[in-house]
Protein backbone atom coordinates (compact mmCIF):
# COMPACT_ATOMS: atom_id res chain seq x y z
CA UNK A 1 33.90 58.33 -148.23
CA UNK A 2 32.78 55.20 -146.35
CA UNK A 3 35.10 53.81 -143.61
CA UNK A 4 34.82 50.27 -142.25
CA UNK A 5 36.12 49.90 -138.65
CA UNK A 6 38.37 47.03 -137.53
CA UNK A 7 39.18 45.75 -134.05
CA UNK A 8 41.99 47.12 -131.89
CA UNK A 9 45.39 45.53 -132.56
CA UNK A 10 45.97 44.80 -128.85
CA UNK A 11 43.67 43.40 -126.18
CA UNK A 12 45.36 45.50 -123.48
CA UNK A 13 47.54 48.60 -123.44
CA UNK A 14 47.92 51.06 -126.31
CA UNK A 15 47.15 49.72 -129.78
CA UNK A 16 45.96 50.77 -133.24
CA UNK A 17 42.56 50.43 -134.84
CA UNK A 18 42.78 50.40 -138.65
CA UNK A 19 40.03 50.75 -141.20
CA UNK A 20 39.59 50.88 -144.94
CA UNK A 21 38.45 54.21 -146.41
CA UNK A 22 36.74 53.95 -149.82
CA UNK A 23 35.25 56.50 -152.19
CA UNK A 24 31.70 55.35 -152.91
CA UNK A 25 28.63 56.59 -154.73
CA UNK A 26 25.15 55.76 -153.45
CA UNK A 27 22.27 55.00 -155.82
CA UNK A 28 19.41 57.40 -154.99
CA UNK A 29 16.79 54.81 -155.88
CA UNK A 30 18.32 52.10 -153.64
CA UNK A 31 19.83 53.26 -150.42
CA UNK A 32 21.35 49.91 -149.57
CA UNK A 33 23.42 49.61 -152.75
CA UNK A 34 26.70 51.56 -153.13
CA UNK A 35 29.33 51.66 -155.84
CA UNK A 36 33.09 51.94 -155.20
CA UNK A 37 34.80 54.72 -157.14
CA UNK A 38 38.45 55.74 -157.62
CA UNK A 39 39.90 58.01 -154.93
CA UNK A 40 40.15 60.82 -157.46
CA UNK A 41 36.36 61.00 -157.61
CA UNK A 42 36.26 62.20 -153.98
CA UNK A 43 38.70 65.08 -154.42
CA UNK A 44 37.55 68.05 -152.37
CA UNK A 45 35.87 65.90 -149.73
CA UNK A 46 37.32 65.32 -146.26
CA UNK A 47 38.98 61.90 -146.14
CA UNK A 48 38.68 60.18 -142.72
CA UNK A 49 41.86 58.81 -141.10
CA UNK A 50 42.69 55.21 -141.95
CA UNK A 51 43.92 54.41 -138.44
CA UNK A 52 43.59 55.72 -134.91
CA UNK A 53 44.93 54.85 -131.47
CA UNK A 54 42.86 52.62 -129.20
CA UNK A 55 42.99 51.48 -125.58
CA UNK A 56 40.73 48.69 -124.25
CA UNK A 57 42.16 48.10 -120.76
CA UNK A 58 45.41 48.13 -118.82
CA UNK A 59 47.71 45.12 -119.17
CA UNK A 60 48.27 43.09 -116.04
CA UNK A 61 51.75 43.46 -114.58
CA UNK A 62 53.84 40.36 -115.23
CA UNK A 63 55.17 38.86 -112.01
CA UNK A 64 58.88 38.03 -111.97
CA UNK A 65 58.54 34.37 -111.04
CA UNK A 66 61.23 31.75 -111.58
CA UNK A 67 62.36 28.33 -110.44
CA UNK A 68 64.71 28.56 -107.47
CA UNK A 69 67.29 25.77 -107.04
CA UNK A 70 68.82 25.54 -103.57
CA UNK A 71 72.39 24.57 -102.74
CA UNK A 72 73.31 21.01 -101.84
CA UNK A 73 72.51 20.11 -98.23
CA UNK A 74 74.80 18.26 -95.84
CA UNK A 75 75.42 14.56 -96.36
CA UNK A 76 72.93 12.26 -94.67
CA UNK A 77 75.73 10.34 -92.91
CA UNK A 78 78.97 11.35 -91.23
CA UNK A 79 80.94 8.43 -92.68
CA UNK A 80 80.47 5.90 -95.39
CA UNK A 81 78.12 6.25 -98.32
CA UNK A 82 75.19 8.65 -97.96
CA UNK A 83 73.11 11.09 -99.97
CA UNK A 84 72.91 14.84 -100.52
CA UNK A 85 69.70 16.55 -101.56
CA UNK A 86 68.54 19.89 -102.80
CA UNK A 87 65.12 21.26 -103.70
CA UNK A 88 63.58 23.30 -106.49
CA UNK A 89 60.75 25.72 -105.72
CA UNK A 90 58.70 28.32 -107.56
CA UNK A 91 59.65 31.71 -106.13
CA UNK A 92 59.07 35.39 -106.77
CA UNK A 93 61.79 38.03 -106.44
CA UNK A 94 60.56 41.29 -104.90
CA UNK A 95 61.99 44.79 -105.30
CA UNK A 96 64.35 44.26 -102.35
CA UNK A 97 65.90 41.18 -104.01
CA UNK A 98 64.30 38.70 -101.59
CA UNK A 99 62.76 35.41 -102.77
CA UNK A 100 59.22 34.47 -101.73
CA UNK A 101 58.02 30.90 -102.23
CA UNK A 102 54.92 30.43 -104.39
CA UNK A 103 52.77 27.51 -105.47
CA UNK A 104 54.27 25.43 -108.29
CA UNK A 105 51.37 26.31 -110.63
CA UNK A 106 52.49 29.96 -110.60
CA UNK A 107 55.58 28.93 -112.62
CA UNK A 108 53.76 26.74 -115.17
CA UNK A 109 54.73 29.14 -117.99
CA UNK A 110 58.43 29.16 -117.00
CA UNK A 111 60.63 26.25 -118.20
CA UNK A 112 61.56 24.12 -115.21
CA UNK A 113 65.32 23.40 -115.08
CA UNK A 114 66.23 19.73 -115.43
CA UNK A 115 68.67 19.24 -112.56
CA UNK A 116 69.43 16.39 -110.17
CA UNK A 117 67.86 16.75 -106.73
CA UNK A 118 69.83 13.91 -105.07
CA UNK A 119 73.38 12.63 -105.37
CA UNK A 120 75.59 10.19 -103.44
CA UNK A 121 78.24 11.43 -101.02
CA UNK A 122 81.03 9.91 -98.92
CA UNK A 123 82.20 12.46 -96.29
CA UNK A 124 84.73 10.00 -94.74
CA UNK A 125 85.52 6.33 -94.48
CA UNK A 126 83.96 4.61 -91.49
CA UNK A 127 86.43 2.98 -89.04
CA UNK A 128 86.81 -0.80 -89.47
CA UNK A 129 84.89 -2.93 -86.93
CA UNK A 130 86.79 -5.55 -84.96
CA UNK A 131 85.05 -8.96 -85.11
CA UNK A 132 85.15 -11.23 -82.02
CA UNK A 133 87.04 -14.54 -82.35
CA UNK A 134 85.04 -17.53 -83.61
CA UNK A 135 84.52 -20.20 -80.96
CA UNK A 136 83.41 -23.78 -81.63
CA UNK A 137 79.90 -24.78 -80.66
CA UNK A 138 79.61 -26.34 -77.24
CA UNK A 139 77.11 -29.11 -76.62
CA UNK A 140 76.55 -27.84 -73.10
CA UNK A 141 75.06 -24.49 -74.18
CA UNK A 142 71.70 -23.93 -75.78
CA UNK A 143 71.59 -22.05 -79.08
CA UNK A 144 70.43 -18.43 -78.72
CA UNK A 145 67.17 -17.47 -80.49
CA UNK A 146 67.59 -15.32 -83.61
CA UNK A 147 67.56 -11.59 -82.90
CA UNK A 148 64.86 -9.53 -84.70
CA UNK A 149 66.09 -7.15 -87.38
CA UNK A 150 65.98 -3.45 -86.47
CA UNK A 151 63.00 -1.61 -87.87
CA UNK A 152 63.71 1.10 -90.48
CA UNK A 153 63.05 4.67 -89.45
CA UNK A 154 63.12 8.17 -90.92
CA UNK A 155 66.32 10.12 -90.32
CA UNK A 156 66.49 13.90 -90.91
CA UNK A 157 69.53 16.13 -91.36
CA UNK A 158 69.73 19.53 -89.60
CA UNK A 159 67.80 22.39 -91.14
CA UNK A 160 69.75 24.47 -93.63
CA UNK A 161 70.25 28.19 -93.20
CA UNK A 162 67.25 30.30 -94.20
CA UNK A 163 67.43 31.69 -97.73
CA UNK A 164 66.64 35.22 -96.48
CA UNK A 165 67.02 37.16 -93.24
CA UNK A 166 63.54 38.73 -93.45
CA UNK A 167 60.50 38.85 -95.69
CA UNK A 168 59.89 35.07 -95.75
CA UNK A 169 62.34 32.39 -96.86
CA UNK A 170 62.76 28.61 -97.05
CA UNK A 171 64.73 26.07 -95.02
CA UNK A 172 65.41 22.56 -96.29
CA UNK A 173 66.78 19.31 -94.97
CA UNK A 174 67.41 15.75 -96.13
CA UNK A 175 64.99 13.02 -94.98
CA UNK A 176 65.91 9.35 -95.56
CA UNK A 177 64.55 5.98 -94.55
CA UNK A 178 67.47 4.09 -92.99
CA UNK A 179 67.94 0.73 -91.34
CA UNK A 180 71.32 0.11 -89.68
CA UNK A 181 72.66 3.16 -91.52
CA UNK A 182 71.59 1.89 -94.95
CA UNK A 183 68.72 3.09 -97.18
CA UNK A 184 65.56 1.08 -96.75
CA UNK A 185 62.09 1.20 -98.38
CA UNK A 186 60.24 0.02 -95.27
CA UNK A 187 59.28 3.40 -93.70
CA UNK A 188 55.68 4.65 -93.64
CA UNK A 189 55.19 7.55 -96.02
CA UNK A 190 52.57 9.26 -93.84
CA UNK A 191 55.17 9.50 -91.04
CA UNK A 192 57.81 11.15 -93.25
CA UNK A 193 58.98 14.49 -91.78
CA UNK A 194 58.75 17.66 -93.86
CA UNK A 195 61.72 18.40 -96.11
CA UNK A 196 61.16 22.18 -96.24
CA UNK A 197 59.60 24.86 -94.09
CA UNK A 198 59.06 28.62 -94.08
CA UNK A 199 61.46 30.78 -92.08
CA UNK A 200 62.09 34.43 -91.20
CA UNK A 201 58.55 35.42 -92.12
CA UNK A 202 58.84 38.76 -90.32
CA UNK A 203 58.56 41.93 -92.39
CA UNK A 204 61.80 43.57 -93.50
CA UNK A 205 62.43 46.95 -91.79
CA UNK A 206 61.86 49.98 -93.97
CA UNK A 207 64.91 52.20 -94.50
CA UNK A 208 64.74 55.36 -92.43
CA UNK A 209 64.26 58.57 -94.39
CA UNK A 210 66.92 61.04 -93.33
CA UNK A 211 65.99 64.69 -93.04
CA UNK A 212 68.40 66.53 -95.35
CA UNK A 213 67.41 69.96 -94.01
CA UNK A 214 67.81 69.41 -90.26
CA UNK A 215 71.46 69.31 -89.18
CA UNK A 216 73.11 69.33 -85.77
CA UNK A 217 74.97 72.51 -84.86
CA UNK A 218 77.63 70.54 -82.96
CA UNK A 219 79.13 67.20 -84.03
CA UNK A 220 78.66 65.76 -80.51
CA UNK A 221 74.89 66.36 -80.34
CA UNK A 222 74.10 62.69 -80.94
CA UNK A 223 75.83 61.77 -77.64
CA UNK A 224 73.36 63.80 -75.52
CA UNK A 225 70.28 61.51 -75.97
CA UNK A 226 72.45 58.38 -75.82
CA UNK A 227 73.62 59.26 -72.30
CA UNK A 228 70.19 60.51 -71.15
CA UNK A 229 71.27 64.07 -70.34
CA UNK A 230 68.78 65.93 -72.55
CA UNK A 231 67.30 67.64 -69.46
CA UNK A 232 70.67 68.86 -68.18
CA UNK A 233 70.70 72.65 -67.72
CA UNK A 234 74.01 73.02 -69.59
CA UNK A 235 72.71 71.62 -72.89
CA UNK A 236 69.33 73.38 -72.54
CA UNK A 237 70.83 76.81 -71.84
CA UNK A 238 73.57 76.34 -74.40
CA UNK A 239 71.01 75.58 -77.12
CA UNK A 240 68.71 78.45 -76.06
CA UNK A 241 71.57 80.99 -76.11
CA UNK A 242 72.64 79.78 -79.55
CA UNK A 243 69.11 80.07 -80.97
CA UNK A 244 68.60 83.52 -79.40
CA UNK A 245 71.84 84.73 -80.96
CA UNK A 246 70.78 83.47 -84.40
CA UNK A 247 67.39 85.18 -83.98
CA UNK A 248 68.97 88.53 -83.09
CA UNK A 249 71.30 88.33 -86.11
CA UNK A 250 68.34 87.65 -88.40
CA UNK A 251 66.38 90.58 -86.92
CA UNK A 252 69.31 92.98 -87.52
CA UNK A 253 69.60 91.79 -91.13
CA UNK A 254 65.84 92.24 -91.62
CA UNK A 255 65.89 95.83 -90.28
CA UNK A 256 68.88 96.68 -92.50
CA UNK A 257 67.13 95.32 -95.58
CA UNK A 258 63.92 97.18 -94.78
CA UNK A 259 65.85 100.45 -94.36
CA UNK A 260 67.70 99.93 -97.64
CA UNK A 261 64.41 99.23 -99.37
CA UNK A 262 62.87 102.45 -97.96
CA UNK A 263 65.89 104.54 -99.09
CA UNK A 264 65.63 102.99 -102.55
CA UNK A 265 61.95 103.87 -102.86
CA UNK A 266 62.64 107.49 -101.73
CA UNK A 267 65.42 107.99 -104.30
CA UNK A 268 63.26 106.44 -106.98
CA UNK A 269 60.35 108.84 -106.22
CA UNK A 270 62.72 111.83 -106.29
CA UNK A 271 64.10 110.69 -109.65
CA UNK A 272 60.61 110.42 -111.13
CA UNK A 273 59.76 113.93 -109.85
CA UNK A 274 62.94 115.35 -111.44
CA UNK A 275 62.07 113.69 -114.76
CA UNK A 276 58.61 115.28 -114.72
CA UNK A 277 60.11 118.71 -113.91
CA UNK A 278 62.61 118.44 -116.76
CA UNK A 279 59.82 117.44 -119.14
CA UNK A 280 57.70 120.44 -118.11
CA UNK A 281 60.70 122.74 -118.49
CA UNK A 282 61.31 121.45 -122.01
CA UNK A 283 57.70 122.10 -122.98
CA UNK A 284 57.88 125.66 -121.58
CA UNK A 285 61.11 126.30 -123.52
CA UNK A 286 59.42 125.25 -126.77
CA UNK A 287 56.46 127.57 -126.11
CA UNK A 288 58.80 130.52 -125.36
CA UNK A 289 60.68 129.93 -128.62
CA UNK A 290 57.38 129.97 -130.56
CA UNK A 291 56.33 133.25 -128.88
CA UNK A 292 59.69 134.84 -129.76
CA UNK A 293 59.32 133.82 -133.42
CA UNK A 294 55.79 135.27 -133.57
CA UNK A 295 56.95 138.51 -131.90
CA UNK A 296 59.81 138.90 -134.35
CA UNK A 297 57.47 138.40 -137.28
CA UNK A 298 55.12 141.08 -135.88
CA UNK A 299 57.97 143.55 -135.40
CA UNK A 300 59.16 142.99 -138.96
CA UNK A 301 55.78 143.78 -140.42
């Protein structure tokens, strides 16, 4: 039987390695040439297994990454027409359910949701401005020079609430280039403030492991350390007396058990001795019966 090995079915984790097992006959004159025969020709020979389990290496644990879409931020203006924005980030969800921001390339294999990141908003109508009355030009006054237009500048909304309370989250805000309250393209891009920042990067506290064995004897024990009276003689003596009483009770129980065990062993030894005596008595009775039979036979003769 000549098997030909194949590669493992999986590059990581548990897989199967299959092979073809053939019944062949080798030509004695040419070692390199073989002939394939029917399987019935190899009856009586051990047939190797056609497949076996294989393991090349452990598979890397897939990280639970996803695209995180934030909620809409506050409107960029308090009245009139403005804009609302939201952001989309690559994030990883840990075992505690908290999101941790990652680089965008970490989510390249996850379909990115096609959502709008900016939309118009009108929180309220702005109050109407009163215009001054128009006066005719006077020849006695010189015309005022034209006033320069206000320069556009970046305007940022307040930071949003952090996405998590601990473990590292994200804050976002809306940043717009405005001139006289209207969007303008004249702001310098290198002066644009950041639209997102990390927040609450402190580690989350680990849950305390409660001791299920230790238990307070009194339900008011937790008040003693809170009020700083652990050294008070009342609580110290009270606890010592309680522990001494428990110790004495346990000692009495231990002595009682030891005495019961000793009595049990004594009765057991006496029982074994009685059994041996009864056995010896039975053997002696059998021997006496045999002697009586022999004596009767002798007397009869």
